[in-house]
């Protein structure tokens, strides 16, 4: 037991509520700060200016999703599948000459 008054220890998101996403953003910011990088794709306030460009484009949803996956390096490329242990060879299956990363794809 502590003899201290309660206090708000959570920085609420832009809607002033706790979400799993805001907890993730806070953890990501802390991790990046510990690594010496001040950049983050999200903030505990819920403001994500880096992604607004993608999500507010007047294009079909599948193009926005592709852009988001490309920007976050989460396309199912040979390199990413090798990192996840799903493939053994990161070489592009179409050209056979280079590793298939997001840039190559």
PDB file of N, CA and C in Angstrom:
ATOM      1  N   UNK A   1       0.838  -1.188   0.000  1.00  0.00           N
ATOM      2  CA  UNK A   1       0.000   0.000   0.000  1.00  0.00           C
ATOM      3  C   UNK A   1       0.879   1.246   0.000  1.00  0.00           C
ATOM      4  N   UNK A   2       0.406   2.217  -0.719  1.00  0.00           N
ATOM      5  CA  UNK A   2       1.123   3.475  -0.781  1.00  0.00           C
ATOM      6  C   UNK A   2       0.241   4.582  -0.229  1.00  0.00           C
ATOM      7  N   UNK A   3       0.859   5.550   0.334  1.00  0.00           N
ATOM      8  CA  UNK A   3       0.127   6.694   0.848  1.00  0.00           C
ATOM      9  C   UNK A   3       0.227   7.867  -0.114  1.00  0.00           C
ATOM     10  N   UNK A   4       0.038   7.575  -1.385  1.00  0.00           N
ATOM     11  CA  UNK A   4       0.089   8.617  -2.403  1.00  0.00           C
ATOM     12  C   UNK A   4      -1.277   8.713  -3.078  1.00  0.00           C
ATOM     13  N   UNK A   5      -1.606   9.899  -3.525  1.00  0.00           N
ATOM     14  CA  UNK A   5      -2.851  10.068  -4.259  1.00  0.00           C
ATOM     15  C   UNK A   5      -2.699   9.497  -5.658  1.00  0.00           C
ATOM     16  N   UNK A   6      -3.800   9.061  -6.236  1.00  0.00           N
ATOM     17  CA  UNK A   6      -3.790   8.572  -7.605  1.00  0.00           C
ATOM     18  C   UNK A   6      -3.451   9.709  -8.559  1.00  0.00           C
ATOM     19  N   UNK A   7      -2.852   9.339  -9.672  1.00  0.00           N
ATOM     20  CA  UNK A   7      -2.543  10.331 -10.698  1.00  0.00           C
ATOM     21  C   UNK A   7      -2.652   9.660 -12.054  1.00  0.00           C
ATOM     22  N   UNK A   8      -2.875  10.456 -13.078  1.00  0.00           N
ATOM     23  CA  UNK A   8      -2.967   9.918 -14.428  1.00  0.00           C
ATOM     24  C   UNK A   8      -1.564   9.650 -14.934  1.00  0.00           C
ATOM     25  N   UNK A   9      -1.286   8.397 -15.254  1.00  0.00           N
ATOM     26  CA  UNK A   9       0.041   8.014 -15.716  1.00  0.00           C
ATOM     27  C   UNK A   9       0.026   7.714 -17.208  1.00  0.00           C
ATOM     28  N   UNK A  10      -1.126   7.761 -17.819  1.00  0.00           N
ATOM     29  CA  UNK A  10      -1.256   7.436 -19.224  1.00  0.00           C
ATOM     30  C   UNK A  10      -1.522   8.709 -20.006  1.00  0.00           C
ATOM     31  N   UNK A  11      -0.792   8.900 -21.094  1.00  0.00           N
ATOM     32  CA  UNK A  11      -1.047  10.033 -21.964  1.00  0.00           C
ATOM     33  C   UNK A  11      -2.146   9.587 -22.932  1.00  0.00           C
ATOM     34  N   UNK A  12      -3.350  10.115 -22.804  1.00  0.00           N
ATOM     35  CA  UNK A  12      -4.457   9.643 -23.645  1.00  0.00           C
ATOM     36  C   UNK A  12      -4.254   9.974 -25.115  1.00  0.00           C
ATOM     37  N   UNK A  13      -4.940   9.220 -25.982  1.00  0.00           N
ATOM     38  CA  UNK A  13      -4.859   9.507 -27.410  1.00  0.00           C
ATOM     39  C   UNK A  13      -5.693  10.745 -27.727  1.00  0.00           C
ATOM     40  N   UNK A  14      -5.834  11.063 -29.010  1.00  0.00           N
ATOM     41  CA  UNK A  14      -6.524  12.304 -29.381  1.00  0.00           C
ATOM     42  C   UNK A  14      -7.995  12.294 -28.989  1.00  0.00           C
ATOM     43  N   UNK A  15      -8.557  11.108 -28.732  1.00  0.00           N
ATOM     44  CA  UNK A  15      -9.938  11.014 -28.276  1.00  0.00           C
ATOM     45  C   UNK A  15     -10.017  10.916 -26.754  1.00  0.00           C
ATOM     46  N   UNK A  16      -8.875  11.112 -26.092  1.00  0.00           N
ATOM     47  CA  UNK A  16      -8.755  11.084 -24.640  1.00  0.00           C
ATOM     48  C   UNK A  16      -9.176   9.732 -24.053  1.00  0.00           C
ATOM     49  N   UNK A  17      -8.770   8.658 -24.723  1.00  0.00           N
ATOM     50  CA  UNK A  17      -9.092   7.327 -24.224  1.00  0.00           C
ATOM     51  C   UNK A  17      -7.890   6.395 -24.402  1.00  0.00           C
ATOM     52  N   UNK A  18      -7.885   5.323 -23.643  1.00  0.00           N
ATOM     53  CA  UNK A  18      -6.842   4.307 -23.755  1.00  0.00           C
ATOM     54  C   UNK A  18      -7.230   3.337 -24.857  1.00  0.00           C
ATOM     55  N   UNK A  19      -6.281   3.027 -25.734  1.00  0.00           N
ATOM     56  CA  UNK A  19      -6.469   1.991 -26.747  1.00  0.00           C
ATOM     57  C   UNK A  19      -5.210   1.146 -26.802  1.00  0.00           C
ATOM     58  N   UNK A  20      -5.329  -0.048 -27.331  1.00  0.00           N
ATOM     59  CA  UNK A  20      -4.161  -0.901 -27.514  1.00  0.00           C
ATOM     60  C   UNK A  20      -3.194  -0.214 -28.478  1.00  0.00           C
ATOM     61  N   UNK A  21      -3.743   0.487 -29.483  1.00  0.00           N
ATOM     62  CA  UNK A  21      -2.894   1.181 -30.444  1.00  0.00           C
ATOM     63  C   UNK A  21      -2.078   2.275 -29.752  1.00  0.00           C
ATOM     64  N   UNK A  22      -2.699   3.031 -28.848  1.00  0.00           N
ATOM     65  CA  UNK A  22      -1.952   4.087 -28.169  1.00  0.00           C
ATOM     66  C   UNK A  22      -0.873   3.482 -27.269  1.00  0.00           C
ATOM     67  N   UNK A  23      -1.141   2.314 -26.684  1.00  0.00           N
ATOM     68  CA  UNK A  23      -0.117   1.636 -25.877  1.00  0.00           C
ATOM     69  C   UNK A  23       1.031   1.179 -26.776  1.00  0.00           C
ATOM     70  N   UNK A  24       0.702   0.656 -27.948  1.00  0.00           N
ATOM     71  CA  UNK A  24       1.730   0.239 -28.903  1.00  0.00           C
ATOM     72  C   UNK A  24       2.587   1.434 -29.322  1.00  0.00           C
ATOM     73  N   UNK A  25       1.929   2.548 -29.622  1.00  0.00           N
ATOM     74  CA  UNK A  25       2.663   3.746 -30.043  1.00  0.00           C
ATOM     75  C   UNK A  25       3.594   4.241 -28.948  1.00  0.00           C
ATOM     76  N   UNK A  26       3.128   4.215 -27.714  1.00  0.00           N
ATOM     77  CA  UNK A  26       3.964   4.645 -26.603  1.00  0.00           C
ATOM     78  C   UNK A  26       5.176   3.725 -26.464  1.00  0.00           C
ATOM     79  N   UNK A  27       4.948   2.418 -26.568  1.00  0.00           N
ATOM     80  CA  UNK A  27       6.053   1.459 -26.469  1.00  0.00           C
ATOM     81  C   UNK A  27       7.033   1.642 -27.622  1.00  0.00           C
ATOM     82  N   UNK A  28       6.519   1.877 -28.821  1.00  0.00           N
ATOM     83  CA  UNK A  28       7.377   2.096 -29.979  1.00  0.00           C
ATOM     84  C   UNK A  28       8.202   3.368 -29.810  1.00  0.00           C
ATOM     85  N   UNK A  29       7.560   4.445 -29.350  1.00  0.00           N
ATOM     86  CA  UNK A  29       8.290   5.686 -29.110  1.00  0.00           C
ATOM     87  C   UNK A  29       9.391   5.492 -28.076  1.00  0.00           C
ATOM     88  N   UNK A  30       9.091   4.760 -27.016  1.00  0.00           N
ATOM     89  CA  UNK A  30      10.095   4.502 -25.974  1.00  0.00           C
ATOM     90  C   UNK A  30      11.259   3.685 -26.545  1.00  0.00           C
ATOM     91  N   UNK A  31      10.950   2.693 -27.353  1.00  0.00           N
ATOM     92  CA  UNK A  31      11.992   1.857 -27.945  1.00  0.00           C
ATOM     93  C   UNK A  31      12.873   2.688 -28.881  1.00  0.00           C
ATOM     94  N   UNK A  32      12.258   3.510 -29.714  1.00  0.00           N
ATOM     95  CA  UNK A  32      13.028   4.343 -30.631  1.00  0.00           C
ATOM     96  C   UNK A  32      13.851   5.376 -29.879  1.00  0.00           C
ATOM     97  N   UNK A  33      13.312   5.918 -28.796  1.00  0.00           N
ATOM     98  CA  UNK A  33      14.051   6.887 -27.988  1.00  0.00           C
ATOM     99  C   UNK A  33      15.269   6.213 -27.355  1.00  0.00           C
ATOM    100  N   UNK A  34      15.105   4.962 -26.910  1.00  0.00           N
ATOM    101  CA  UNK A  34      16.223   4.223 -26.302  1.00  0.00           C
ATOM    102  C   UNK A  34      17.307   3.916 -27.332  1.00  0.00           C
ATOM    103  N   UNK A  35      16.911   3.755 -28.590  1.00  0.00           N
ATOM    104  CA  UNK A  35      17.868   3.472 -29.661  1.00  0.00           C
ATOM    105  C   UNK A  35      18.503   4.750 -30.204  1.00  0.00           C
ATOM    106  N   UNK A  36      18.021   5.890 -29.747  1.00  0.00           N
ATOM    107  CA  UNK A  36      18.578   7.158 -30.202  1.00  0.00           C
ATOM    108  C   UNK A  36      17.884   7.731 -31.413  1.00  0.00           C
ATOM    109  N   UNK A  37      16.795   7.109 -31.853  1.00  0.00           N
ATOM    110  CA  UNK A  37      16.040   7.622 -32.992  1.00  0.00           C
ATOM    111  C   UNK A  37      14.817   8.352 -32.478  1.00  0.00           C
ATOM    112  N   UNK A  38      14.634   9.576 -32.921  1.00  0.00           N
ATOM    113  CA  UNK A  38      13.487  10.350 -32.464  1.00  0.00           C
ATOM    114  C   UNK A  38      12.269  10.173 -33.340  1.00  0.00           C
ATOM    115  N   UNK A  39      12.407   9.448 -34.456  1.00  0.00           N
ATOM    116  CA  UNK A  39      11.295   9.325 -35.386  1.00  0.00           C
ATOM    117  C   UNK A  39      10.377   8.180 -35.006  1.00  0.00           C
ATOM    118  N   UNK A  40       9.108   8.367 -35.275  1.00  0.00           N
ATOM    119  CA  UNK A  40       8.122   7.328 -35.052  1.00  0.00           C
ATOM    120  C   UNK A  40       6.974   7.543 -36.009  1.00  0.00           C
ATOM    121  N   UNK A  41       6.308   6.466 -36.397  1.00  0.00           N
ATOM    122  CA  UNK A  41       5.179   6.590 -37.301  1.00  0.00           C
ATOM    123  C   UNK A  41       3.899   6.912 -36.558  1.00  0.00           C
ATOM    124  N   UNK A  42       3.937   6.858 -35.256  1.00  0.00           N
ATOM    125  CA  UNK A  42       2.751   7.174 -34.478  1.00  0.00           C
ATOM    126  C   UNK A  42       3.163   7.857 -33.186  1.00  0.00           C
ATOM    127  N   UNK A  43       2.207   8.501 -32.574  1.00  0.00           N
ATOM    128  CA  UNK A  43       2.473   9.211 -31.326  1.00  0.00           C
ATOM    129  C   UNK A  43       1.386   8.854 -30.334  1.00  0.00           C
ATOM    130  N   UNK A  44       1.675   8.913 -29.028  1.00  0.00           N
ATOM    131  CA  UNK A  44       0.635   8.622 -28.044  1.00  0.00           C
ATOM    132  C   UNK A  44      -0.590   9.509 -28.190  1.00  0.00           C
ATOM    133  N   UNK A  45      -0.451  10.685 -28.789  1.00  0.00           N
ATOM    134  CA  UNK A  45      -1.591  11.576 -28.985  1.00  0.00           C
ATOM    135  C   UNK A  45      -2.533  11.055 -30.065  1.00  0.00           C
ATOM    136  N   UNK A  46      -2.109  10.046 -30.823  1.00  0.00           N
ATOM    137  CA  UNK A  46      -2.933   9.506 -31.896  1.00  0.00           C
ATOM    138  C   UNK A  46      -2.653  10.167 -33.232  1.00  0.00           C
ATOM    139  N   UNK A  47      -1.834  11.190 -33.260  1.00  0.00           N
ATOM    140  CA  UNK A  47      -1.502  11.904 -34.481  1.00  0.00           C
ATOM    141  C   UNK A  47      -0.447  11.125 -35.255  1.00  0.00           C
ATOM    142  N   UNK A  48      -0.744  10.767 -36.507  1.00  0.00           N
ATOM    143  CA  UNK A  48       0.195  10.022 -37.335  1.00  0.00           C
ATOM    144  C   UNK A  48       0.355  10.734 -38.684  1.00  0.00           C
ATOM    145  N   UNK A  49       1.089  11.835 -38.709  1.00  0.00           N
ATOM    146  CA  UNK A  49       1.183  12.621 -39.942  1.00  0.00           C
ATOM    147  C   UNK A  49       1.839  11.880 -41.098  1.00  0.00           C
ATOM    148  N   UNK A  50       2.747  10.955 -40.816  1.00  0.00           N
ATOM    149  CA  UNK A  50       3.434  10.241 -41.886  1.00  0.00           C
ATOM    150  C   UNK A  50       2.492   9.364 -42.695  1.00  0.00           C
ATOM    151  N   UNK A  51       1.453   8.858 -42.056  1.00  0.00           N
ATOM    152  CA  UNK A  51       0.535   7.954 -42.745  1.00  0.00           C
ATOM    153  C   UNK A  51      -0.635   8.687 -43.392  1.00  0.00           C
ATOM    154  N   UNK A  52      -0.878   9.934 -43.011  1.00  0.00           N
ATOM    155  CA  UNK A  52      -2.018  10.677 -43.571  1.00  0.00           C
ATOM    156  C   UNK A  52      -1.917  10.797 -45.080  1.00  0.00           C
ATOM    157  N   UNK A  53      -0.716  10.986 -45.581  1.00  0.00           N
ATOM    158  CA  UNK A  53      -0.518  11.104 -47.022  1.00  0.00           C
ATOM    159  C   UNK A  53      -1.040   9.860 -47.740  1.00  0.00           C
ATOM    160  N   UNK A  54      -0.768   8.704 -47.187  1.00  0.00           N
ATOM    161  CA  UNK A  54      -1.217   7.451 -47.804  1.00  0.00           C
ATOM    162  C   UNK A  54      -2.720   7.271 -47.638  1.00  0.00           C
ATOM    163  N   UNK A  55      -3.226   7.400 -46.415  1.00  0.00           N
ATOM    164  CA  UNK A  55      -4.616   7.064 -46.135  1.00  0.00           C
ATOM    165  C   UNK A  55      -5.621   8.074 -46.664  1.00  0.00           C
ATOM    166  N   UNK A  56      -5.185   9.287 -46.995  1.00  0.00           N
ATOM    167  CA  UNK A  56      -6.116  10.294 -47.503  1.00  0.00           C
ATOM    168  C   UNK A  56      -6.027  10.485 -49.011  1.00  0.00           C
ATOM    169  N   UNK A  57      -5.242   9.659 -49.696  1.00  0.00           N
ATOM    170  CA  UNK A  57      -5.148   9.757 -51.149  1.00  0.00           C
ATOM    171  C   UNK A  57      -6.467   9.336 -51.791  1.00  0.00           C
ATOM    172  N   UNK A  58      -6.808  10.006 -52.875  1.00  0.00           N
ATOM    173  CA  UNK A  58      -8.037   9.683 -53.610  1.00  0.00           C
ATOM    174  C   UNK A  58      -7.740   8.579 -54.625  1.00  0.00           C
ATOM    175  N   UNK A  59      -7.434   7.405 -54.114  1.00  0.00           N
ATOM    176  CA  UNK A  59      -7.147   6.230 -54.944  1.00  0.00           C
ATOM    177  C   UNK A  59      -7.946   5.055 -54.385  1.00  0.00           C
ATOM    178  N   UNK A  60      -8.069   3.978 -55.146  1.00  0.00           N
ATOM    179  CA  UNK A  60      -8.787   2.808 -54.625  1.00  0.00           C
ATOM    180  C   UNK A  60      -8.128   2.286 -53.346  1.00  0.00           C
ATOM    181  N   UNK A  61      -8.923   1.692 -52.441  1.00  0.00           N
ATOM    182  CA  UNK A  61      -8.383   1.192 -51.172  1.00  0.00           C
ATOM    183  C   UNK A  61      -7.203   0.235 -51.343  1.00  0.00           C
ATOM    184  N   UNK A  62      -7.228  -0.607 -52.375  1.00  0.00           N
ATOM    185  CA  UNK A  62      -6.128  -1.561 -52.545  1.00  0.00           C
ATOM    186  C   UNK A  62      -4.812  -0.853 -52.847  1.00  0.00           C
ATOM    187  N   UNK A  63      -4.867   0.319 -53.483  1.00  0.00           N
ATOM    188  CA  UNK A  63      -3.653   1.090 -53.758  1.00  0.00           C
ATOM    189  C   UNK A  63      -3.123   1.694 -52.462  1.00  0.00           C
ATOM    190  N   UNK A  64      -4.041   2.194 -51.595  1.00  0.00           N
ATOM    191  CA  UNK A  64      -3.609   2.725 -50.294  1.00  0.00           C
ATOM    192  C   UNK A  64      -2.981   1.628 -49.444  1.00  0.00           C
ATOM    193  N   UNK A  65      -3.573   0.447 -49.440  1.00  0.00           N
ATOM    194  CA  UNK A  65      -3.037  -0.666 -48.654  1.00  0.00           C
ATOM    195  C   UNK A  65      -1.669  -1.082 -49.191  1.00  0.00           C
ATOM    196  N   UNK A  66      -1.521  -1.120 -50.526  1.00  0.00           N
ATOM    197  CA  UNK A  66      -0.225  -1.439 -51.107  1.00  0.00           C
ATOM    198  C   UNK A  66       0.815  -0.399 -50.701  1.00  0.00           C
ATOM    199  N   UNK A  67       0.456   0.885 -50.766  1.00  0.00           N
ATOM    200  CA  UNK A  67       1.377   1.952 -50.365  1.00  0.00           C
ATOM    201  C   UNK A  67       1.783   1.839 -48.913  1.00  0.00           C
ATOM    202  N   UNK A  68       0.826   1.505 -48.050  1.00  0.00           N
ATOM    203  CA  UNK A  68       1.121   1.330 -46.620  1.00  0.00           C
ATOM    204  C   UNK A  68       2.058   0.146 -46.405  1.00  0.00           C
ATOM    205  N   UNK A  69       1.785  -0.970 -47.087  1.00  0.00           N
ATOM    206  CA  UNK A  69       2.653  -2.146 -46.945  1.00  0.00           C
ATOM    207  C   UNK A  69       4.056  -1.866 -47.496  1.00  0.00           C
ATOM    208  N   UNK A  70       4.125  -1.113 -48.583  1.00  0.00           N
ATOM    209  CA  UNK A  70       5.427  -0.752 -49.142  1.00  0.00           C
ATOM    210  C   UNK A  70       6.190   0.153 -48.179  1.00  0.00           C
ATOM    211  N   UNK A  71       5.509   1.159 -47.627  1.00  0.00           N
ATOM    212  CA  UNK A  71       6.164   2.110 -46.718  1.00  0.00           C
ATOM    213  C   UNK A  71       6.597   1.452 -45.414  1.00  0.00           C
ATOM    214  N   UNK A  72       5.862   0.447 -44.970  1.00  0.00           N
ATOM    215  CA  UNK A  72       6.205  -0.222 -43.712  1.00  0.00           C
ATOM    216  C   UNK A  72       7.028  -1.487 -43.932  1.00  0.00           C
ATOM    217  N   UNK A  73       7.472  -1.712 -45.169  1.00  0.00           N
ATOM    218  CA  UNK A  73       8.273  -2.880 -45.540  1.00  0.00           C
ATOM    219  C   UNK A  73       7.615  -4.178 -45.086  1.00  0.00           C
ATOM    220  N   UNK A  74       6.311  -4.303 -45.378  1.00  0.00           N
ATOM    221  CA  UNK A  74       5.608  -5.517 -44.989  1.00  0.00           C
ATOM    222  C   UNK A  74       5.010  -6.255 -46.182  1.00  0.00           C
ATOM    223  N   UNK A  75       5.526  -5.974 -47.369  1.00  0.00           N
ATOM    224  CA  UNK A  75       5.108  -6.745 -48.538  1.00  0.00           C
ATOM    225  C   UNK A  75       5.654  -8.167 -48.415  1.00  0.00           C
ATOM    226  N   UNK A  76       4.962  -9.106 -49.030  1.00  0.00           N
ATOM    227  CA  UNK A  76       5.390 -10.505 -48.978  1.00  0.00           C
ATOM    228  C   UNK A  76       6.481 -10.753 -50.008  1.00  0.00           C
ATOM    229  N   UNK A  77       7.621 -10.112 -49.812  1.00  0.00           N
ATOM    230  CA  UNK A  77       8.758 -10.295 -50.717  1.00  0.00           C
ATOM    231  C   UNK A  77       9.568 -11.513 -50.272  1.00  0.00           C
ATOM    232  N   UNK A  78      10.430 -11.972 -51.148  1.00  0.00           N
ATOM    233  CA  UNK A  78      11.272 -13.125 -50.809  1.00  0.00           C
ATOM    234  C   UNK A  78      12.144 -12.814 -49.585  1.00  0.00           C
ATOM    235  N   UNK A  79      12.699 -11.601 -49.524  1.00  0.00           N
ATOM    236  CA  UNK A  79      13.555 -11.223 -48.395  1.00  0.00           C
ATOM    237  C   UNK A  79      12.763 -11.269 -47.087  1.00  0.00           C
ATOM    238  N   UNK A  80      11.554 -10.668 -47.087  1.00  0.00           N
ATOM    239  CA  UNK A  80      10.749 -10.669 -45.867  1.00  0.00           C
ATOM    240  C   UNK A  80      10.313 -12.075 -45.468  1.00  0.00           C
ATOM    241  N   UNK A  81      10.014 -12.915 -46.464  1.00  0.00           N
ATOM    242  CA  UNK A  81       9.626 -14.290 -46.132  1.00  0.00           C
ATOM    243  C   UNK A  81      10.817 -15.083 -45.603  1.00  0.00           C
ATOM    244  N   UNK A  82      12.035 -14.776 -46.062  1.00  0.00           N
ATOM    245  CA  UNK A  82      13.232 -15.420 -45.509  1.00  0.00           C
ATOM    246  C   UNK A  82      13.439 -15.003 -44.056  1.00  0.00           C
ATOM    247  N   UNK A  83      13.231 -13.729 -43.777  1.00  0.00           N
ATOM    248  CA  UNK A  83      13.378 -13.236 -42.400  1.00  0.00           C
ATOM    249  C   UNK A  83      12.405 -13.953 -41.470  1.00  0.00           C
ATOM    250  N   UNK A  84      11.206 -14.241 -41.967  1.00  0.00           N
ATOM    251  CA  UNK A  84      10.181 -14.913 -41.157  1.00  0.00           C
ATOM    252  C   UNK A  84      10.300 -16.439 -41.192  1.00  0.00           C
ATOM    253  N   UNK A  85      11.307 -16.950 -41.906  1.00  0.00           N
ATOM    254  CA  UNK A  85      11.533 -18.394 -41.952  1.00  0.00           C
ATOM    255  C   UNK A  85      10.590 -19.130 -42.876  1.00  0.00           C
ATOM    256  N   UNK A  86       9.952 -18.428 -43.802  1.00  0.00           N
ATOM    257  CA  UNK A  86       9.001 -19.067 -44.716  1.00  0.00           C
ATOM    258  C   UNK A  86       9.644 -19.459 -46.043  1.00  0.00           C
ATOM    259  N   UNK A  87      10.778 -18.874 -46.347  1.00  0.00           N
ATOM    260  CA  UNK A  87      11.523 -19.171 -47.564  1.00  0.00           C
ATOM    261  C   UNK A  87      12.998 -19.301 -47.207  1.00  0.00           C
ATOM    262  N   UNK A  88      13.747 -19.964 -48.061  1.00  0.00           N
ATOM    263  CA  UNK A  88      15.183 -20.114 -47.824  1.00  0.00           C
ATOM    264  C   UNK A  88      16.016 -19.231 -48.730  1.00  0.00           C
ATOM    265  N   UNK A  89      15.498 -18.919 -49.916  1.00  0.00           N
ATOM    266  CA  UNK A  89      16.262 -18.147 -50.894  1.00  0.00           C
ATOM    267  C   UNK A  89      15.592 -16.792 -51.119  1.00  0.00           C
ATOM    268  N   UNK A  90      16.291 -15.682 -50.851  1.00  0.00           N
ATOM    269  CA  UNK A  90      15.692 -14.359 -51.043  1.00  0.00           C
ATOM    270  C   UNK A  90      15.740 -13.854 -52.485  1.00  0.00           C
ATOM    271  N   UNK A  91      16.236 -14.668 -53.402  1.00  0.00           N
ATOM    272  CA  UNK A  91      16.364 -14.245 -54.795  1.00  0.00           C
ATOM    273  C   UNK A  91      14.996 -14.135 -55.454  1.00  0.00           C
ATOM    274  N   UNK A  92      14.841 -13.104 -56.281  1.00  0.00           N
ATOM    275  CA  UNK A  92      13.593 -12.862 -57.004  1.00  0.00           C
ATOM    276  C   UNK A  92      13.274 -14.050 -57.902  1.00  0.00           C
ATOM    277  N   UNK A  93      12.039 -14.533 -57.831  1.00  0.00           N
ATOM    278  CA  UNK A  93      11.644 -15.688 -58.643  1.00  0.00           C
ATOM    279  C   UNK A  93      11.388 -15.308 -60.100  1.00  0.00           C
ATOM    280  N   UNK A  94      11.212 -14.003 -60.381  1.00  0.00           N
ATOM    281  CA  UNK A  94      10.969 -13.581 -61.763  1.00  0.00           C
ATOM    282  C   UNK A  94      12.265 -13.349 -62.530  1.00  0.00           C
ATOM    283  N   UNK A  95      13.187 -12.556 -61.953  1.00  0.00           N
ATOM    284  CA  UNK A  95      14.418 -12.252 -62.690  1.00  0.00           C
ATOM    285  C   UNK A  95      15.556 -13.209 -62.334  1.00  0.00           C
ATOM    286  N   UNK A  96      15.549 -13.743 -61.113  1.00  0.00           N
ATOM    287  CA  UNK A  96      16.576 -14.681 -60.688  1.00  0.00           C
ATOM    288  C   UNK A  96      17.948 -14.078 -60.480  1.00  0.00           C
ATOM    289  N   UNK A  97      18.062 -12.739 -60.498  1.00  0.00           N
ATOM    290  CA  UNK A  97      19.367 -12.093 -60.406  1.00  0.00           C
ATOM    291  C   UNK A  97      19.605 -11.348 -59.105  1.00  0.00           C
ATOM    292  N   UNK A  98      18.558 -10.789 -58.511  1.00  0.00           N
ATOM    293  CA  UNK A  98      18.715  -9.964 -57.312  1.00  0.00           C
ATOM    294  C   UNK A  98      17.806 -10.461 -56.201  1.00  0.00           C
ATOM    295  N   UNK A  99      18.123 -10.003 -54.993  1.00  0.00           N
ATOM    296  CA  UNK A  99      17.229 -10.288 -53.877  1.00  0.00           C
ATOM    297  C   UNK A  99      15.948  -9.492 -54.075  1.00  0.00           C
ATOM    298  N   UNK A 100      14.825 -10.125 -53.776  1.00  0.00           N
ATOM    299  CA  UNK A 100      13.530  -9.462 -53.935  1.00  0.00           C
ATOM    300  C   UNK A 100      13.138  -8.779 -52.625  1.00  0.00           C
ATOM    301  N   UNK A 101      13.533  -7.500 -52.501  1.00  0.00           N
ATOM    302  CA  UNK A 101      13.097  -6.696 -51.368  1.00  0.00           C
ATOM    303  C   UNK A 101      11.970  -5.777 -51.862  1.00  0.00           C
ATOM    304  N   UNK A 102      11.499  -4.888 -51.009  1.00  0.00           N
ATOM    305  CA  UNK A 102      10.389  -4.005 -51.398  1.00  0.00           C
ATOM    306  C   UNK A 102      10.764  -3.125 -52.582  1.00  0.00           C
ATOM    307  N   UNK A 103      11.990  -2.619 -52.599  1.00  0.00           N
ATOM    308  CA  UNK A 103      12.428  -1.766 -53.704  1.00  0.00           C
ATOM    309  C   UNK A 103      12.451  -2.549 -55.017  1.00  0.00           C
ATOM    310  N   UNK A 104      12.972  -3.768 -54.979  1.00  0.00           N
ATOM    311  CA  UNK A 104      13.059  -4.596 -56.175  1.00  0.00           C
ATOM    312  C   UNK A 104      11.657  -4.968 -56.669  1.00  0.00           C
ATOM    313  N   UNK A 105      10.782  -5.305 -55.747  1.00  0.00           N
ATOM    314  CA  UNK A 105       9.416  -5.689 -56.138  1.00  0.00           C
ATOM    315  C   UNK A 105       8.706  -4.534 -56.790  1.00  0.00           C
TER     316      UNK A 105
END
